[in-house]
Amino acid sequence: MTETAQCPFCELRFSARWELKLHLDAEHEGRVRDKDDAHVAIEENDPDNPKPL
C-alpha cells in the first residue's frame, strides 16, 4: 500500500511528500513556516481540529 499525503488546507492528495511541498509553496503561500531546526511547520487554520498531512 502506498502512502498518500493530503493537503491540510484543501482536499488534494499527493503520492509523494515533495509534491505536497510544491503544492503548499504554490497554492498556500505564507501558511507554511520553516523552523530553525530545519523542520517544516504548517500553520493550522483550526488548532482545535487539526487535519492530518
N, C-alpha and C. Protein backbone atom coordinates (compact mmCIF):
# COMPACT_ATOMS: atom_id res chain seq x y z
N MET A 1 0.83 -1.17 0.00
CA MET A 1 0.00 0.00 0.00
C MET A 1 0.88 1.24 0.00
N THR A 2 0.57 2.19 -0.86
CA THR A 2 1.38 3.39 -0.95
C THR A 2 0.86 4.45 0.01
N GLU A 3 1.76 5.26 0.48
CA GLU A 3 1.41 6.33 1.40
C GLU A 3 0.98 7.56 0.60
N THR A 4 -0.10 8.18 0.98
CA THR A 4 -0.53 9.41 0.34
C THR A 4 -0.50 10.53 1.37
N ALA A 5 -0.24 11.72 0.89
CA ALA A 5 -0.20 12.89 1.76
C ALA A 5 -1.30 13.84 1.31
N GLN A 6 -2.14 14.26 2.25
CA GLN A 6 -3.23 15.18 1.94
C GLN A 6 -2.87 16.58 2.39
N CYS A 7 -3.21 17.53 1.57
CA CYS A 7 -3.00 18.93 1.92
C CYS A 7 -3.88 19.27 3.12
N PRO A 8 -3.33 19.91 4.15
CA PRO A 8 -4.14 20.25 5.33
C PRO A 8 -5.09 21.43 5.09
N PHE A 9 -4.98 22.08 3.94
CA PHE A 9 -5.80 23.25 3.66
C PHE A 9 -6.86 23.02 2.59
N CYS A 10 -6.76 21.93 1.85
CA CYS A 10 -7.75 21.63 0.81
C CYS A 10 -7.85 20.11 0.67
N GLU A 11 -8.61 19.62 -0.26
CA GLU A 11 -8.89 18.19 -0.38
C GLU A 11 -7.88 17.43 -1.25
N LEU A 12 -6.88 18.11 -1.80
CA LEU A 12 -5.94 17.44 -2.70
C LEU A 12 -5.06 16.45 -1.96
N ARG A 13 -4.76 15.33 -2.65
CA ARG A 13 -3.87 14.30 -2.11
C ARG A 13 -2.74 14.06 -3.08
N PHE A 14 -1.57 13.71 -2.54
CA PHE A 14 -0.37 13.54 -3.34
C PHE A 14 0.30 12.22 -2.98
N SER A 15 0.94 11.62 -3.97
CA SER A 15 1.59 10.32 -3.75
C SER A 15 2.99 10.48 -3.17
N ALA A 16 3.54 11.68 -3.19
CA ALA A 16 4.88 11.92 -2.65
C ALA A 16 4.88 13.21 -1.83
N ARG A 17 5.69 13.22 -0.78
CA ARG A 17 5.78 14.40 0.09
C ARG A 17 6.29 15.63 -0.66
N TRP A 18 7.22 15.44 -1.61
CA TRP A 18 7.76 16.59 -2.34
C TRP A 18 6.66 17.25 -3.19
N GLU A 19 5.71 16.46 -3.68
CA GLU A 19 4.59 17.03 -4.43
C GLU A 19 3.72 17.89 -3.52
N LEU A 20 3.49 17.40 -2.31
CA LEU A 20 2.73 18.17 -1.33
C LEU A 20 3.44 19.48 -1.01
N LYS A 21 4.76 19.43 -0.81
CA LYS A 21 5.52 20.63 -0.50
C LYS A 21 5.44 21.64 -1.64
N LEU A 22 5.57 21.18 -2.87
CA LEU A 22 5.44 22.09 -4.02
C LEU A 22 4.05 22.72 -4.06
N HIS A 23 3.03 21.92 -3.80
CA HIS A 23 1.66 22.42 -3.78
C HIS A 23 1.49 23.47 -2.70
N LEU A 24 1.98 23.21 -1.50
CA LEU A 24 1.86 24.16 -0.40
C LEU A 24 2.57 25.47 -0.73
N ASP A 25 3.77 25.37 -1.33
CA ASP A 25 4.52 26.57 -1.70
C ASP A 25 3.79 27.39 -2.77
N ALA A 26 3.14 26.71 -3.71
CA ALA A 26 2.49 27.41 -4.81
C ALA A 26 1.08 27.90 -4.48
N GLU A 27 0.28 27.06 -3.83
CA GLU A 27 -1.13 27.37 -3.63
C GLU A 27 -1.46 27.96 -2.26
N HIS A 28 -0.65 27.68 -1.26
CA HIS A 28 -0.94 28.14 0.10
C HIS A 28 0.27 28.90 0.64
N GLU A 29 0.78 29.80 -0.17
CA GLU A 29 1.97 30.56 0.18
C GLU A 29 1.76 31.35 1.47
N GLY A 30 2.74 31.31 2.35
CA GLY A 30 2.67 32.04 3.60
C GLY A 30 2.07 31.26 4.76
N ARG A 31 1.49 30.11 4.49
CA ARG A 31 0.88 29.31 5.57
C ARG A 31 1.85 28.28 6.11
N VAL A 32 2.99 28.09 5.44
CA VAL A 32 4.00 27.14 5.89
C VAL A 32 5.22 27.93 6.31
N ARG A 33 5.69 27.65 7.52
CA ARG A 33 6.86 28.35 8.05
C ARG A 33 7.96 27.34 8.33
N ASP A 34 9.20 27.69 7.98
CA ASP A 34 10.36 26.85 8.31
C ASP A 34 10.81 27.18 9.72
N LYS A 35 11.04 26.15 10.53
CA LYS A 35 11.57 26.34 11.87
C LYS A 35 13.09 26.43 11.79
N ASP A 36 13.71 26.86 12.86
CA ASP A 36 15.16 26.98 12.90
C ASP A 36 15.86 25.64 12.80
N ASP A 37 15.23 24.56 13.25
CA ASP A 37 15.88 23.25 13.24
C ASP A 37 15.59 22.47 11.96
N ALA A 38 15.23 23.17 10.88
CA ALA A 38 15.03 22.61 9.54
C ALA A 38 13.78 21.75 9.39
N HIS A 39 12.89 21.78 10.37
CA HIS A 39 11.61 21.10 10.22
C HIS A 39 10.60 22.10 9.65
N VAL A 40 9.62 21.60 8.96
CA VAL A 40 8.60 22.47 8.40
C VAL A 40 7.39 22.47 9.32
N ALA A 41 6.92 23.64 9.66
CA ALA A 41 5.73 23.78 10.49
C ALA A 41 4.60 24.31 9.62
N ILE A 42 3.45 23.68 9.70
CA ILE A 42 2.30 24.10 8.91
C ILE A 42 1.32 24.81 9.83
N GLU A 43 1.00 26.03 9.45
CA GLU A 43 0.07 26.81 10.25
C GLU A 43 -1.33 26.25 10.06
N GLU A 44 -1.92 25.79 11.14
CA GLU A 44 -3.26 25.21 11.09
C GLU A 44 -4.31 26.31 11.04
N ASN A 45 -5.34 26.10 10.27
CA ASN A 45 -6.41 27.08 10.23
C ASN A 45 -7.39 26.89 11.38
N ASP A 46 -7.39 25.72 12.02
CA ASP A 46 -8.23 25.46 13.18
C ASP A 46 -7.43 24.61 14.17
N PRO A 47 -6.79 25.22 15.17
CA PRO A 47 -5.93 24.46 16.08
C PRO A 47 -6.68 23.44 16.93
N ASP A 48 -7.99 23.61 17.09
CA ASP A 48 -8.78 22.65 17.87
C ASP A 48 -9.18 21.43 17.06
N ASN A 49 -9.04 21.50 15.73
CA ASN A 49 -9.41 20.41 14.87
C ASN A 49 -8.37 20.28 13.75
N PRO A 50 -7.13 19.89 14.08
CA PRO A 50 -6.08 19.81 13.05
C PRO A 50 -6.35 18.70 12.06
N LYS A 51 -5.97 18.92 10.82
CA LYS A 51 -6.14 17.91 9.77
C LYS A 51 -4.80 17.20 9.55
N PRO A 52 -4.81 15.89 9.30
CA PRO A 52 -3.56 15.17 9.08
C PRO A 52 -2.92 15.54 7.75
N LEU A 53 -1.62 15.34 7.66
CA LEU A 53 -0.93 15.57 6.39
C LEU A 53 -1.21 14.48 5.43
